[in-house]
Amino acid sequence: MKKELLQRYFVAGSQNFPDLTLAEYEERIALIMKSGITAYQFREKILTCRLMKKEL
């Protein structure tokens, strides 16, 4: 992997913007992507925690 792709690495999920609707969230992420990030990782921690609790 090229290191320059990770210069402005952004990680976020819906837990980072809890008060936004899906449309507002998508708009916010699009704006962030236009601001110059070089990589984006969607990380949904809330769903993961809920799924883990169901398995227990």
Protein backbone atom coordinates (compact mmCIF):
# COMPACT_ATOMS: atom_id res chain seq x y z
CA MET A 1 0.00 0.00 0.00
CA LYS A 2 1.18 3.48 -0.78
CA LYS A 3 1.86 5.44 2.41
CA GLU A 4 0.63 8.70 0.85
CA LEU A 5 -2.89 7.23 0.83
CA LEU A 6 -2.83 7.27 4.64
CA GLN A 7 -1.65 10.85 5.08
CA ARG A 8 -5.15 12.10 5.95
CA TYR A 9 -6.91 8.95 7.13
CA PHE A 10 -10.45 9.48 8.48
CA VAL A 11 -12.39 6.92 10.55
CA ALA A 12 -16.01 7.51 11.55
CA GLY A 13 -19.41 5.91 11.94
CA SER A 14 -22.88 7.02 12.92
CA GLN A 15 -21.78 7.16 16.58
CA ASN A 16 -19.64 10.18 15.65
CA PHE A 17 -22.68 12.11 14.40
CA PRO A 18 -25.57 10.78 16.51
CA ASP A 19 -27.96 13.68 15.89
CA LEU A 20 -27.84 13.53 12.08
CA THR A 21 -30.29 11.78 9.80
CA LEU A 22 -28.88 9.37 7.24
CA ALA A 23 -29.11 12.03 4.51
CA GLU A 24 -27.35 14.58 6.74
CA TYR A 25 -24.68 12.01 7.66
CA GLU A 26 -24.01 11.23 3.99
CA GLU A 27 -23.79 14.94 3.23
CA ARG A 28 -21.35 15.49 6.10
CA ILE A 29 -19.13 12.60 5.00
CA ALA A 30 -19.17 13.86 1.40
CA LEU A 31 -18.05 17.29 2.62
CA ILE A 32 -15.27 15.74 4.71
CA MET A 33 -14.15 13.67 1.74
CA LYS A 34 -13.98 16.81 -0.42
CA SER A 35 -11.87 18.56 2.23
CA GLY A 36 -8.80 16.53 1.33
CA ILE A 37 -8.84 13.24 3.20
CA THR A 38 -6.95 10.52 1.40
CA ALA A 39 -8.72 7.50 2.94
CA TYR A 40 -12.01 6.92 4.76
CA GLN A 41 -12.96 3.95 6.93
CA PHE A 42 -16.56 3.49 8.01
CA ARG A 43 -16.56 1.99 11.51
CA GLU A 44 -19.92 1.26 13.09
CA LYS A 45 -19.28 0.58 16.77
CA ILE A 46 -22.89 0.82 17.93
CA LEU A 47 -24.07 -1.99 15.67
CA THR A 48 -21.12 -4.16 16.66
CA CYS A 49 -21.88 -3.70 20.36
CA ARG A 50 -25.56 -4.53 19.81
CA LEU A 51 -24.71 -7.68 17.87
CA MET A 52 -22.26 -8.80 20.53
CA LYS A 53 -24.87 -8.38 23.26
CA LYS A 54 -27.35 -10.51 21.29
CA GLU A 55 -24.78 -13.31 20.98
CA LEU A 56 -24.13 -13.34 24.74
